[in-house]
Protein backbone atom coordinates (compact mmCIF):
# COMPACT_ATOMS: atom_id res chain seq x y z
CA MET A 1 145.80 62.41 -46.46
CA GLY A 2 143.18 61.22 -49.00
CA THR A 3 142.76 64.64 -50.49
CA ASN A 4 142.74 65.75 -54.11
CA ASN A 5 144.65 68.99 -54.41
CA HIS A 6 143.28 69.95 -57.83
CA LYS A 7 141.83 73.43 -57.80
CA GLY A 8 138.22 73.45 -56.82
CA HIS A 9 138.18 69.80 -56.02
CA SER A 10 139.30 69.05 -52.43
CA LEU A 11 137.54 66.12 -50.80
CA THR A 12 138.47 63.86 -47.84
CA ARG A 13 137.87 60.10 -48.09
CA THR A 14 134.99 60.47 -45.63
CA SER A 15 133.05 62.26 -48.48
CA TYR A 16 132.97 59.02 -50.56
CA LYS A 17 129.89 57.01 -50.87
CA PRO A 18 131.36 53.37 -50.97
CA TRP A 19 128.27 52.00 -52.72
CA LEU A 20 128.85 54.24 -55.71
CA ALA A 21 130.82 53.06 -58.77
CA ALA A 22 131.73 54.81 -61.97
CA ALA A 23 132.60 53.75 -65.56
CA LEU A 24 134.44 56.47 -67.56
CA ASP A 25 134.83 55.82 -71.32
CA LEU A 26 137.56 57.90 -73.02
CA GLY A 27 136.33 57.59 -76.52
CA SER A 28 137.75 59.18 -79.70
CA ASN A 29 134.85 61.44 -80.13
CA SER A 30 133.43 61.95 -76.52
CA PHE A 31 134.21 61.11 -72.94
CA HIS A 32 131.29 59.68 -71.06
CA VAL A 33 130.86 58.70 -67.36
CA THR A 34 128.12 56.53 -65.88
CA ILE A 35 127.73 56.34 -62.06
CA VAL A 36 125.68 53.59 -60.49
CA ASP A 37 124.47 52.56 -57.10
CA THR A 38 125.73 49.02 -56.38
CA ARG A 39 123.50 48.33 -53.40
CA VAL A 40 120.88 46.74 -55.68
CA LYS A 41 121.26 44.39 -58.67
CA PRO A 42 121.05 45.09 -61.43
CA TYR A 43 122.97 48.21 -60.40
CA ARG A 44 120.81 51.36 -60.45
CA MET A 45 121.98 54.17 -62.72
CA VAL A 46 122.49 57.42 -60.72
CA TYR A 47 124.08 59.76 -63.30
CA ARG A 48 125.14 59.85 -66.79
CA TYR A 49 127.18 62.66 -68.54
CA GLY A 50 128.99 63.03 -71.82
CA VAL A 51 131.01 65.67 -73.56
CA LYS A 52 132.55 65.95 -76.97
CA VAL A 53 136.29 66.11 -76.85
CA GLN A 54 137.30 64.78 -80.26
CA LEU A 55 140.54 63.32 -79.02
CA GLY A 56 140.77 61.39 -82.26
CA ALA A 57 140.82 64.63 -84.34
CA GLY A 58 143.99 65.47 -82.51
CA LEU A 59 146.05 62.70 -83.94
CA ASP A 60 148.71 63.99 -86.35
CA GLU A 61 150.10 62.19 -89.38
CA GLN A 62 152.48 60.29 -87.19
CA ASN A 63 149.62 59.08 -84.88
CA ASN A 64 150.84 61.35 -82.09
CA LEU A 65 148.31 63.31 -80.07
CA THR A 66 148.82 67.14 -80.46
CA SER A 67 149.27 69.28 -77.37
CA GLU A 68 145.92 70.81 -78.11
CA ALA A 69 144.20 67.56 -78.08
CA ILE A 70 145.94 66.50 -74.85
CA ASP A 71 144.83 69.79 -73.30
CA ARG A 72 141.29 69.27 -74.31
CA GLY A 73 141.29 65.81 -72.85
CA LEU A 74 142.88 66.92 -69.53
CA SER A 75 140.48 69.83 -69.19
CA CYS A 76 137.51 67.40 -69.68
CA LEU A 77 139.05 65.05 -66.97
CA HIS A 78 139.26 67.84 -64.47
CA ASP A 79 135.44 68.24 -65.04
CA MET A 80 134.85 64.41 -64.84
CA ALA A 81 136.82 64.19 -61.63
CA LYS A 82 134.45 66.62 -60.06
CA ARG A 83 131.49 64.69 -61.28
CA MET A 84 132.99 61.50 -59.72
CA ALA A 85 133.76 63.29 -56.41
CA LYS A 86 131.57 60.98 -54.36
CA VAL A 87 132.96 57.83 -55.99
CA ALA A 88 136.00 56.26 -54.15
CA PRO A 89 139.06 56.09 -56.52
CA THR A 90 139.07 52.27 -56.16
CA ASN A 91 135.55 52.23 -57.58
CA ARG A 92 136.41 54.35 -60.64
CA HIS A 93 136.87 52.25 -63.72
CA ILE A 94 138.47 54.14 -66.66
CA ILE A 95 138.58 52.70 -70.13
CA ALA A 96 140.29 54.17 -73.18
CA THR A 97 139.58 52.97 -76.66
CA ASN A 98 140.87 53.51 -80.16
CA THR A 99 142.66 56.89 -80.07
CA LEU A 100 144.68 55.99 -77.10
CA ARG A 101 145.32 52.45 -78.58
CA VAL A 102 146.91 54.01 -81.61
CA ALA A 103 148.57 57.17 -80.25
CA HIS A 104 152.31 56.57 -80.01
CA ASN A 105 152.59 59.25 -77.27
CA ARG A 106 149.57 58.07 -75.29
CA GLN A 107 151.75 57.75 -72.13
CA VAL A 108 152.23 61.49 -72.13
CA PHE A 109 148.48 61.85 -71.85
CA ILE A 110 148.03 58.98 -69.37
CA ASP A 111 150.73 60.19 -67.02
CA GLN A 112 149.00 63.57 -66.65
CA ALA A 113 145.52 62.12 -66.69
CA GLU A 114 145.61 59.52 -63.93
CA PRO A 115 146.57 61.95 -61.13
CA ILE A 116 143.56 64.05 -62.06
CA ILE A 117 141.05 61.15 -61.98
CA GLN A 118 142.88 59.24 -59.18
CA ALA A 119 142.50 55.87 -60.99
CA PRO A 120 144.45 53.81 -63.58
CA ILE A 121 143.42 54.19 -67.22
CA GLN A 122 142.97 50.86 -69.05
CA VAL A 123 143.74 51.14 -72.70
CA VAL A 124 141.72 48.21 -74.08
CA SER A 125 142.30 46.26 -77.20
CA GLY A 126 139.72 46.30 -80.04
CA GLU A 127 138.57 42.78 -79.15
CA ARG A 128 138.20 43.54 -75.52
CA GLU A 129 136.24 46.79 -76.37
CA ALA A 130 133.94 44.66 -78.67
CA ASP A 131 133.43 42.13 -75.79
CA LEU A 132 132.48 44.85 -73.31
CA ILE A 133 130.03 46.41 -75.86
CA PHE A 134 128.37 43.08 -76.34
CA SER A 135 128.03 42.62 -72.61
CA GLY A 136 126.57 46.13 -72.19
CA VAL A 137 123.96 45.45 -74.91
CA LEU A 138 123.17 42.06 -73.38
CA GLN A 139 122.45 43.81 -69.96
CA GLU A 140 120.09 46.37 -71.58
CA LEU A 141 118.14 43.80 -73.57
CA GLN A 142 117.56 41.25 -70.68
CA SER A 143 114.05 42.44 -70.16
CA LEU A 144 113.09 42.32 -73.89
CA GLN A 145 112.29 39.39 -76.04
CA LEU A 146 115.22 40.37 -78.25
CA GLY A 147 117.59 39.47 -75.37
CA ASP A 148 117.16 35.73 -76.06
CA GLN A 149 117.94 35.97 -79.75
CA THR A 150 121.34 35.68 -81.42
CA LYS A 151 122.44 39.14 -82.04
CA LEU A 152 124.68 41.00 -84.51
CA VAL A 153 125.83 44.06 -82.54
CA ILE A 154 127.29 47.16 -84.35
CA ASP A 155 128.92 50.00 -82.32
CA ILE A 156 130.29 52.93 -84.34
CA GLY A 157 132.68 55.04 -82.34
CA GLY A 158 134.86 58.01 -83.15
CA GLY A 159 137.79 55.98 -84.15
CA SER A 160 136.70 52.38 -84.58
CA THR A 161 133.63 50.25 -85.36
CA GLU A 162 132.96 47.06 -83.37
CA ILE A 163 130.87 44.24 -84.83
CA VAL A 164 130.03 41.32 -82.62
CA CYS A 165 127.77 38.25 -83.03
CA GLY A 166 126.51 35.85 -80.37
CA GLN A 167 123.53 35.01 -78.15
CA GLN A 168 124.65 35.18 -74.44
CA GLN A 169 128.39 35.22 -75.25
CA PRO A 170 130.23 36.79 -78.23
CA ASN A 171 131.09 34.04 -80.81
CA ILE A 172 132.60 36.38 -83.28
CA LEU A 173 134.13 39.93 -82.55
CA ASN A 174 136.07 42.32 -84.56
CA SER A 175 137.24 45.97 -84.30
CA PHE A 176 137.52 47.80 -87.57
CA ALA A 177 139.70 50.93 -87.99
CA MET A 178 136.90 53.23 -89.02
CA GLY A 179 134.98 55.81 -86.91
CA CYS A 180 132.98 58.88 -87.43
CA VAL A 181 135.78 61.32 -86.38
CA ALA A 182 138.34 59.50 -88.62
CA PHE A 183 135.92 59.23 -91.61
CA SER A 184 134.89 62.93 -91.19
CA GLN A 185 138.57 63.94 -91.61
CA ARG A 186 139.19 61.67 -94.44
CA TYR A 187 136.07 61.97 -96.56
CA PHE A 188 134.91 65.51 -95.66
CA PRO A 189 138.45 67.16 -95.43
CA ASP A 190 137.08 70.55 -96.58
CA ARG A 191 133.93 70.16 -94.35
CA MET A 192 131.69 70.28 -97.36
CA ILE A 193 128.74 67.84 -97.54
CA THR A 194 128.25 66.43 -101.04
CA GLU A 195 126.71 63.30 -102.47
CA ALA A 196 130.07 62.14 -103.79
CA ALA A 197 131.72 62.50 -100.40
CA ILE A 198 128.95 60.56 -98.66
CA ASP A 199 129.03 57.82 -101.44
CA ALA A 200 132.77 57.57 -101.11
CA ALA A 201 132.50 57.09 -97.45
CA ILE A 202 129.75 54.46 -97.76
CA ASP A 203 131.86 52.57 -100.29
CA ALA A 204 134.92 52.62 -98.04
CA ALA A 205 132.91 51.31 -95.02
CA GLN A 206 131.48 48.54 -97.13
CA GLU A 207 134.91 47.58 -98.35
CA VAL A 208 136.37 47.53 -94.84
CA VAL A 209 133.81 44.93 -93.57
CA LYS A 210 132.82 42.90 -96.61
CA GLY A 211 135.63 40.37 -96.44
CA HIS A 212 134.39 39.45 -92.96
CA VAL A 213 130.66 39.10 -93.71
CA ASN A 214 130.86 35.33 -94.35
CA ASP A 215 132.46 34.72 -90.91
CA TYR A 216 129.29 36.15 -89.35
CA VAL A 217 126.91 34.13 -91.45
CA ALA A 218 127.96 31.03 -89.56
CA CYS A 219 126.77 32.79 -86.42
CA ASP A 220 123.23 32.71 -87.80
CA TRP A 221 122.17 35.97 -86.18
CA GLN A 222 118.43 36.73 -85.80
CA VAL A 223 118.39 40.37 -84.97
CA CYS A 224 120.76 43.49 -85.43
CA ILE A 225 121.41 45.80 -82.59
CA GLY A 226 123.22 49.10 -82.82
CA SER A 227 124.68 50.97 -79.97
CA SER A 228 126.70 54.16 -79.43
CA GLY A 229 125.88 57.86 -79.90
CA THR A 230 126.12 57.77 -83.75
CA ILE A 231 123.36 55.09 -84.03
CA LYS A 232 121.38 56.68 -81.24
CA ALA A 233 121.32 59.99 -83.27
CA LEU A 234 120.43 58.18 -86.53
CA ALA A 235 117.64 56.26 -84.81
CA ALA A 236 116.18 59.36 -83.30
CA LEU A 237 116.06 61.01 -86.64
CA SER A 238 114.22 58.09 -88.07
CA GLU A 239 111.45 58.52 -85.41
CA GLN A 240 110.49 54.84 -85.76
CA GLN A 241 110.03 52.20 -83.02
CA ASP A 242 109.53 48.49 -83.11
CA LYS A 243 109.56 45.89 -80.39
CA GLY A 244 110.06 48.63 -77.78
CA LEU A 245 113.14 49.98 -79.38
CA PRO A 246 114.09 52.76 -81.80
CA VAL A 247 114.78 51.19 -85.15
CA LEU A 248 116.39 52.14 -88.50
CA ASP A 249 115.37 50.40 -91.76
CA ARG A 250 116.33 51.02 -95.33
CA ALA A 251 113.63 53.62 -95.92
CA SER A 252 114.46 55.63 -92.81
CA MET A 253 118.18 55.56 -93.68
CA ALA A 254 117.20 57.01 -97.07
CA ALA A 255 115.21 59.71 -95.17
CA VAL A 256 118.20 60.47 -92.94
CA ARG A 257 120.47 60.81 -95.95
CA ALA A 258 118.00 63.38 -97.48
CA LYS A 259 118.00 65.38 -94.13
CA ILE A 260 121.89 65.42 -94.15
CA LEU A 261 121.99 66.62 -97.76
CA GLN A 262 119.89 69.69 -96.92
CA PHE A 263 123.12 71.10 -95.46
CA ASP A 264 126.19 72.31 -97.35
CA THR A 265 128.79 71.93 -94.54
CA LEU A 266 129.42 69.73 -91.45
CA ASP A 267 129.21 72.83 -89.21
CA ALA A 268 125.74 73.69 -90.43
CA VAL A 269 124.07 70.32 -89.49
CA ARG A 270 121.31 71.06 -87.04
CA LEU A 271 118.30 68.77 -86.71
CA PRO A 272 115.53 67.89 -84.22
CA TYR A 273 116.58 65.24 -81.69
CA LEU A 274 120.25 65.80 -82.55
CA ARG A 275 122.72 67.28 -80.00
CA PRO A 276 124.44 70.23 -81.62
CA ASP A 277 127.92 68.71 -81.06
CA ARG A 278 126.82 65.48 -82.91
CA GLY A 279 126.02 67.25 -86.20
CA GLU A 280 129.52 67.48 -87.59
CA VAL A 281 130.17 63.77 -87.32
CA LEU A 282 126.74 62.70 -88.42
CA PRO A 283 127.37 62.44 -92.12
CA ALA A 284 130.34 60.19 -91.57
CA GLY A 285 128.49 58.16 -89.01
CA TYR A 286 125.58 57.70 -91.32
CA ALA A 287 127.99 56.63 -94.14
CA ILE A 288 129.60 53.86 -91.93
CA LEU A 289 126.26 52.55 -90.90
CA GLN A 290 125.01 52.48 -94.47
CA GLY A 291 128.06 50.82 -95.70
CA VAL A 292 127.80 48.08 -92.99
CA MET A 293 124.08 47.66 -93.76
CA GLN A 294 124.80 47.21 -97.41
CA ALA A 295 127.68 44.67 -96.73
CA PHE A 296 125.50 42.63 -94.39
CA ASP A 297 122.32 43.25 -96.36
CA LEU A 298 120.57 44.43 -93.28
CA ASP A 299 116.85 45.30 -93.36
CA LYS A 300 116.59 46.67 -89.68
CA VAL A 301 118.97 47.90 -87.01
CA TYR A 302 117.55 48.31 -83.54
CA PHE A 303 119.04 50.78 -81.03
CA SER A 304 120.08 49.76 -77.61
CA THR A 305 121.33 52.25 -74.94
CA GLY A 306 123.60 49.39 -73.66
CA ALA A 307 127.21 49.82 -74.75
CA LEU A 308 130.81 49.92 -73.43
CA ARG A 309 130.17 51.55 -70.05
CA GLU A 310 127.27 49.17 -69.26
CA GLY A 311 129.60 46.29 -70.07
CA VAL A 312 132.20 47.67 -67.70
CA ILE A 313 129.55 48.20 -65.05
CA ALA A 314 128.26 44.64 -65.39
CA GLU A 315 131.72 43.41 -64.29
CA ILE A 316 132.12 45.67 -61.35
CA GLU A 317 132.34 44.00 -57.98
CA VAL A 318 132.29 46.31 -54.91
CA ALA A 319 133.46 45.07 -51.61
C-alpha cells in the first residue's frame, strides 16, 4: 500500500516529507522540476532540475507525437519521479504546455505518464500559461523596485511564446504559436546557420506579434521582463547587468547575433555560459526575441528567473 512499483523507485508513504511541494513543467523543449519547502513563506526553494527532452520536435505533420518522442518523455519522467520521491503525490503539481496542448494523441502520453509520476497532468491553455508566467515573474521581482512597475513580460518556450502586460495582475495576455523548437525546425531545416535563415525567422516572429502591439500600448508598460531558458541564455551571453538583473539591449543583441554567426550548424553552437543542450535552439530563440523587440520597439529586456513553475508554486496550498 502506498508504494511505487517502478523499478528502482519503491517508497512507502512514511518516506514523504509533507512540507515539500513540487512543480513539474512539461515543456516543449525541456522538462523542469522545482521542489520547495512550504513551512516558510515565501516558500524556500530546495531543489531545481531540468533536462532537454524536445517533446515538441517529436510532433509529426499531423500533430501527433511520435513513439520516439513519447519514449523520451516517459524516460525523463521516470527520472523526475525519483527526484520527487520525498514529495507526497498530492503535493506534486504537473503542468503541460504547448506540445501537449496541440498533440492529437496527447492522451496516449498522459495515460502512461501519470502512473509514473503518481499525479494528474494539467494541460493548460495558452492564456493560463501566460497567467502563471506573469505570477512567477511577479513573485521573483517583489524584492526589487521593478516589482511595482507595470511590466511587459515575454516568455519564449519551445513551442509557444507568451506576452503579458500588467502591474500586479495581468491586464493583457496572449500565447503565440512560435517557440525555439518549432522555429528551429521551420527556419533551420538543414541545421545550417545563415544570415538569411536568421533574418527569415526574425521577420516571421515580428509578423506574428505586430498585429497585437497596439493592444499592449494601452497597458502603458514601464519595463520589459523576459523569462525562460532562452532569454536566460541570451542574457548570460550579453554579460550585462542593470538594476540588479541581467539585461539585453540592442547592442548586446547585435553582439549575440555575431556570436551565433561564428558557427555553421546548430550542432556546433558552443559558447561560454551556455548549456551544451541549449546551443541548437539558441539561433531560433534569438530570432524570436529579436523579432518581438523590433515589433514592440524595445530598448531593454531584463531577465527574471521567475516563470511558469514559480507561478504554480505561488498558488500551492499545503494542508
